[in-house]
Amino acid sequence: MTAPDPTPTAAQPVRDMLSEHIPLSLIMDLAAPDGPHSAELLASEGLPTEEWWVAR
């Protein structure tokens, strides 16, 4: 694990949320309520061919 950055930035709240395992897609949905929404992106892009999130 790396040491915390002593200089707070505008990005620090996002870093904190990511470190708590909040999905980036949810953060983006909350930050840009007018879209594009993650559900719309998923519908247009589809699921990846490799399910990287499934434990093997």
PDB file of N, CA and C in Angstrom:
ATOM      1  N   MET A   1       0.843  -1.166   0.000  1.00  0.00           N
ATOM      2  CA  MET A   1       0.000   0.000   0.000  1.00  0.00           C
ATOM      3  C   MET A   1       0.898   1.242   0.000  1.00  0.00           C
ATOM      4  N   THR A   2       0.467   2.265  -0.695  1.00  0.00           N
ATOM      5  CA  THR A   2       1.255   3.490  -0.753  1.00  0.00           C
ATOM      6  C   THR A   2       0.815   4.449   0.345  1.00  0.00           C
ATOM      7  N   ALA A   3       1.700   5.363   0.679  1.00  0.00           N
ATOM      8  CA  ALA A   3       1.391   6.375   1.690  1.00  0.00           C
ATOM      9  C   ALA A   3       0.390   7.374   1.131  1.00  0.00           C
ATOM     10  N   PRO A   4      -0.505   7.906   1.975  1.00  0.00           N
ATOM     11  CA  PRO A   4      -1.472   8.890   1.497  1.00  0.00           C
ATOM     12  C   PRO A   4      -0.771  10.147   0.982  1.00  0.00           C
ATOM     13  N   ASP A   5      -1.373  10.747  -0.021  1.00  0.00           N
ATOM     14  CA  ASP A   5      -0.847  11.993  -0.586  1.00  0.00           C
ATOM     15  C   ASP A   5      -1.103  13.108   0.418  1.00  0.00           C
ATOM     16  N   PRO A   6      -0.060  13.790   0.904  1.00  0.00           N
ATOM     17  CA  PRO A   6      -0.262  14.836   1.914  1.00  0.00           C
ATOM     18  C   PRO A   6      -0.894  16.109   1.353  1.00  0.00           C
ATOM     19  N   THR A   7      -0.921  16.269   0.041  1.00  0.00           N
ATOM     20  CA  THR A   7      -1.461  17.469  -0.574  1.00  0.00           C
ATOM     21  C   THR A   7      -2.867  17.177  -1.101  1.00  0.00           C
ATOM     22  N   PRO A   8      -3.895  17.690  -0.420  1.00  0.00           N
ATOM     23  CA  PRO A   8      -5.247  17.442  -0.926  1.00  0.00           C
ATOM     24  C   PRO A   8      -5.483  18.157  -2.253  1.00  0.00           C
ATOM     25  N   THR A   9      -6.248  17.514  -3.114  1.00  0.00           N
ATOM     26  CA  THR A   9      -6.569  18.100  -4.407  1.00  0.00           C
ATOM     27  C   THR A   9      -8.067  17.998  -4.630  1.00  0.00           C
ATOM     28  N   ALA A  10      -8.522  18.571  -5.723  1.00  0.00           N
ATOM     29  CA  ALA A  10      -9.938  18.477  -6.061  1.00  0.00           C
ATOM     30  C   ALA A  10     -10.335  17.029  -6.320  1.00  0.00           C
ATOM     31  N   ALA A  11      -9.385  16.198  -6.701  1.00  0.00           N
ATOM     32  CA  ALA A  11      -9.666  14.795  -7.002  1.00  0.00           C
ATOM     33  C   ALA A  11      -9.697  13.922  -5.749  1.00  0.00           C
ATOM     34  N   GLN A  12      -9.334  14.447  -4.614  1.00  0.00           N
ATOM     35  CA  GLN A  12      -9.238  13.626  -3.405  1.00  0.00           C
ATOM     36  C   GLN A  12     -10.547  12.940  -3.027  1.00  0.00           C
ATOM     37  N   PRO A  13     -11.692  13.614  -3.109  1.00  0.00           N
ATOM     38  CA  PRO A  13     -12.932  12.886  -2.780  1.00  0.00           C
ATOM     39  C   PRO A  13     -13.162  11.672  -3.680  1.00  0.00           C
ATOM     40  N   VAL A  14     -12.813  11.793  -4.951  1.00  0.00           N
ATOM     41  CA  VAL A  14     -12.967  10.654  -5.865  1.00  0.00           C
ATOM     42  C   VAL A  14     -11.993   9.549  -5.486  1.00  0.00           C
ATOM     43  N   ARG A  15     -10.776   9.909  -5.175  1.00  0.00           N
ATOM     44  CA  ARG A  15      -9.801   8.904  -4.735  1.00  0.00           C
ATOM     45  C   ARG A  15     -10.294   8.180  -3.492  1.00  0.00           C
ATOM     46  N   ASP A  16     -10.868   8.940  -2.571  1.00  0.00           N
ATOM     47  CA  ASP A  16     -11.378   8.331  -1.342  1.00  0.00           C
ATOM     48  C   ASP A  16     -12.499   7.338  -1.654  1.00  0.00           C
ATOM     49  N   MET A  17     -13.414   7.731  -2.541  1.00  0.00           N
ATOM     50  CA  MET A  17     -14.510   6.830  -2.903  1.00  0.00           C
ATOM     51  C   MET A  17     -13.986   5.582  -3.605  1.00  0.00           C
ATOM     52  N   LEU A  18     -13.025   5.741  -4.503  1.00  0.00           N
ATOM     53  CA  LEU A  18     -12.451   4.586  -5.191  1.00  0.00           C
ATOM     54  C   LEU A  18     -11.737   3.665  -4.199  1.00  0.00           C
ATOM     55  N   SER A  19     -11.072   4.253  -3.209  1.00  0.00           N
ATOM     56  CA  SER A  19     -10.375   3.420  -2.225  1.00  0.00           C
ATOM     57  C   SER A  19     -11.357   2.650  -1.351  1.00  0.00           C
ATOM     58  N   GLU A  20     -12.601   3.100  -1.292  1.00  0.00           N
ATOM     59  CA  GLU A  20     -13.658   2.387  -0.568  1.00  0.00           C
ATOM     60  C   GLU A  20     -14.419   1.426  -1.482  1.00  0.00           C
ATOM     61  N   HIS A  21     -13.892   1.235  -2.703  1.00  0.00           N
ATOM     62  CA  HIS A  21     -14.433   0.286  -3.686  1.00  0.00           C
ATOM     63  C   HIS A  21     -15.789   0.703  -4.254  1.00  0.00           C
ATOM     64  N   ILE A  22     -16.050   2.011  -4.277  1.00  0.00           N
ATOM     65  CA  ILE A  22     -17.250   2.502  -4.954  1.00  0.00           C
ATOM     66  C   ILE A  22     -16.949   2.472  -6.446  1.00  0.00           C
ATOM     67  N   PRO A  23     -17.802   1.847  -7.252  1.00  0.00           N
ATOM     68  CA  PRO A  23     -17.531   1.726  -8.689  1.00  0.00           C
ATOM     69  C   PRO A  23     -17.421   3.091  -9.373  1.00  0.00           C
ATOM     70  N   LEU A  24     -16.451   3.197 -10.258  1.00  0.00           N
ATOM     71  CA  LEU A  24     -16.260   4.432 -11.004  1.00  0.00           C
ATOM     72  C   LEU A  24     -17.516   4.802 -11.785  1.00  0.00           C
ATOM     73  N   SER A  25     -18.217   3.810 -12.316  1.00  0.00           N
ATOM     74  CA  SER A  25     -19.434   4.110 -13.068  1.00  0.00           C
ATOM     75  C   SER A  25     -20.487   4.783 -12.180  1.00  0.00           C
ATOM     76  N   LEU A  26     -20.585   4.378 -10.910  1.00  0.00           N
ATOM     77  CA  LEU A  26     -21.525   5.020  -9.994  1.00  0.00           C
ATOM     78  C   LEU A  26     -21.087   6.448  -9.701  1.00  0.00           C
ATOM     79  N   ILE A  27     -19.803   6.651  -9.492  1.00  0.00           N
ATOM     80  CA  ILE A  27     -19.293   8.000  -9.248  1.00  0.00           C
ATOM     81  C   ILE A  27     -19.599   8.900 -10.437  1.00  0.00           C
ATOM     82  N   MET A  28     -19.399   8.373 -11.637  1.00  0.00           N
ATOM     83  CA  MET A  28     -19.682   9.165 -12.838  1.00  0.00           C
ATOM     84  C   MET A  28     -21.167   9.479 -12.953  1.00  0.00           C
ATOM     85  N   ASP A  29     -22.034   8.513 -12.635  1.00  0.00           N
ATOM     86  CA  ASP A  29     -23.480   8.747 -12.665  1.00  0.00           C
ATOM     87  C   ASP A  29     -23.868   9.851 -11.683  1.00  0.00           C
ATOM     88  N   LEU A  30     -23.250   9.851 -10.516  1.00  0.00           N
ATOM     89  CA  LEU A  30     -23.556  10.864  -9.514  1.00  0.00           C
ATOM     90  C   LEU A  30     -22.989  12.235  -9.882  1.00  0.00           C
ATOM     91  N   ALA A  31     -21.828  12.238 -10.526  1.00  0.00           N
ATOM     92  CA  ALA A  31     -21.169  13.499 -10.881  1.00  0.00           C
ATOM     93  C   ALA A  31     -21.813  14.164 -12.084  1.00  0.00           C
ATOM     94  N   ALA A  32     -22.391  13.387 -12.973  1.00  0.00           N
ATOM     95  CA  ALA A  32     -22.992  13.926 -14.198  1.00  0.00           C
ATOM     96  C   ALA A  32     -24.423  13.392 -14.311  1.00  0.00           C
ATOM     97  N   PRO A  33     -25.357  13.920 -13.508  1.00  0.00           N
ATOM     98  CA  PRO A  33     -26.703  13.368 -13.480  1.00  0.00           C
ATOM     99  C   PRO A  33     -27.451  13.459 -14.814  1.00  0.00           C
ATOM    100  N   ASP A  34     -26.988  14.322 -15.714  1.00  0.00           N
ATOM    101  CA  ASP A  34     -27.642  14.434 -17.025  1.00  0.00           C
ATOM    102  C   ASP A  34     -27.122  13.417 -18.025  1.00  0.00           C
ATOM    103  N   GLY A  35     -26.182  12.581 -17.623  1.00  0.00           N
ATOM    104  CA  GLY A  35     -25.731  11.489 -18.475  1.00  0.00           C
ATOM    105  C   GLY A  35     -24.371  11.732 -19.091  1.00  0.00           C
ATOM    106  N   PRO A  36     -23.853  10.795 -19.841  1.00  0.00           N
ATOM    107  CA  PRO A  36     -24.483   9.502 -20.128  1.00  0.00           C
ATOM    108  C   PRO A  36     -24.476   8.611 -18.889  1.00  0.00           C
ATOM    109  N   HIS A  37     -25.504   7.820 -18.744  1.00  0.00           N
ATOM    110  CA  HIS A  37     -25.640   6.951 -17.587  1.00  0.00           C
ATOM    111  C   HIS A  37     -24.996   5.602 -17.868  1.00  0.00           C
ATOM    112  N   SER A  38     -24.504   4.976 -16.819  1.00  0.00           N
ATOM    113  CA  SER A  38     -23.805   3.701 -16.999  1.00  0.00           C
ATOM    114  C   SER A  38     -24.699   2.647 -17.633  1.00  0.00           C
ATOM    115  N   ALA A  39     -25.995   2.663 -17.337  1.00  0.00           N
ATOM    116  CA  ALA A  39     -26.896   1.680 -17.955  1.00  0.00           C
ATOM    117  C   ALA A  39     -26.977   1.898 -19.463  1.00  0.00           C
ATOM    118  N   GLU A  40     -26.981   3.163 -19.895  1.00  0.00           N
ATOM    119  CA  GLU A  40     -27.000   3.464 -21.329  1.00  0.00           C
ATOM    120  C   GLU A  40     -25.697   3.023 -21.988  1.00  0.00           C
ATOM    121  N   LEU A  41     -24.587   3.260 -21.306  1.00  0.00           N
ATOM    122  CA  LEU A  41     -23.289   2.846 -21.847  1.00  0.00           C
ATOM    123  C   LEU A  41     -23.219   1.331 -21.976  1.00  0.00           C
ATOM    124  N   LEU A  42     -23.694   0.632 -20.961  1.00  0.00           N
ATOM    125  CA  LEU A  42     -23.677  -0.831 -21.010  1.00  0.00           C
ATOM    126  C   LEU A  42     -24.535  -1.339 -22.163  1.00  0.00           C
ATOM    127  N   ALA A  43     -25.704  -0.725 -22.352  1.00  0.00           N
ATOM    128  CA  ALA A  43     -26.595  -1.148 -23.436  1.00  0.00           C
ATOM    129  C   ALA A  43     -25.948  -0.932 -24.799  1.00  0.00           C
ATOM    130  N   SER A  44     -25.213   0.170 -24.946  1.00  0.00           N
ATOM    131  CA  SER A  44     -24.615   0.465 -26.254  1.00  0.00           C
ATOM    132  C   SER A  44     -23.312  -0.310 -26.480  1.00  0.00           C
ATOM    133  N   GLU A  45     -22.540  -0.541 -25.411  1.00  0.00           N
ATOM    134  CA  GLU A  45     -21.243  -1.207 -25.557  1.00  0.00           C
ATOM    135  C   GLU A  45     -21.332  -2.710 -25.352  1.00  0.00           C
ATOM    136  N   GLY A  46     -22.280  -3.162 -24.548  1.00  0.00           N
ATOM    137  CA  GLY A  46     -22.397  -4.582 -24.248  1.00  0.00           C
ATOM    138  C   GLY A  46     -21.387  -5.028 -23.208  1.00  0.00           C
ATOM    139  N   LEU A  47     -21.560  -6.251 -22.760  1.00  0.00           N
ATOM    140  CA  LEU A  47     -20.641  -6.812 -21.773  1.00  0.00           C
ATOM    141  C   LEU A  47     -19.336  -7.227 -22.448  1.00  0.00           C
ATOM    142  N   PRO A  48     -18.231  -7.199 -21.712  1.00  0.00           N
ATOM    143  CA  PRO A  48     -16.977  -7.671 -22.291  1.00  0.00           C
ATOM    144  C   PRO A  48     -17.025  -9.171 -22.540  1.00  0.00           C
ATOM    145  N   THR A  49     -16.210  -9.644 -23.465  1.00  0.00           N
ATOM    146  CA  THR A  49     -16.189 -11.079 -23.768  1.00  0.00           C
ATOM    147  C   THR A  49     -15.577 -11.878 -22.629  1.00  0.00           C
ATOM    148  N   GLU A  50     -14.651 -11.294 -21.890  1.00  0.00           N
ATOM    149  CA  GLU A  50     -14.031 -11.967 -20.743  1.00  0.00           C
ATOM    150  C   GLU A  50     -14.614 -11.393 -19.457  1.00  0.00           C
ATOM    151  N   GLU A  51     -15.197 -12.234 -18.636  1.00  0.00           N
ATOM    152  CA  GLU A  51     -15.774 -11.796 -17.362  1.00  0.00           C
ATOM    153  C   GLU A  51     -14.658 -11.683 -16.327  1.00  0.00           C
ATOM    154  N   TRP A  52     -13.941 -10.559 -16.346  1.00  0.00           N
ATOM    155  CA  TRP A  52     -12.786 -10.354 -15.469  1.00  0.00           C
ATOM    156  C   TRP A  52     -13.176 -10.284 -14.002  1.00  0.00           C
ATOM    157  N   TRP A  53     -14.448 -10.005 -13.726  1.00  0.00           N
ATOM    158  CA  TRP A  53     -14.901  -9.845 -12.341  1.00  0.00           C
ATOM    159  C   TRP A  53     -15.241 -11.179 -11.675  1.00  0.00           C
ATOM    160  N   VAL A  54     -15.276 -12.265 -12.440  1.00  0.00           N
ATOM    161  CA  VAL A  54     -15.609 -13.578 -11.912  1.00  0.00           C
ATOM    162  C   VAL A  54     -14.327 -14.252 -11.411  1.00  0.00           C
ATOM    163  N   ALA A  55     -14.368 -14.696 -10.167  1.00  0.00           N
ATOM    164  CA  ALA A  55     -13.203 -15.379  -9.597  1.00  0.00           C
ATOM    165  C   ALA A  55     -12.989 -16.710 -10.316  1.00  0.00           C
ATOM    166  N   ARG A  56     -11.761 -17.028 -10.559  1.00  0.00           N
ATOM    167  CA  ARG A  56     -11.425 -18.275 -11.250  1.00  0.00           C
ATOM    168  C   ARG A  56     -10.616 -19.164 -10.367  1.00  0.00           C
TER     169      ARG A  56
END
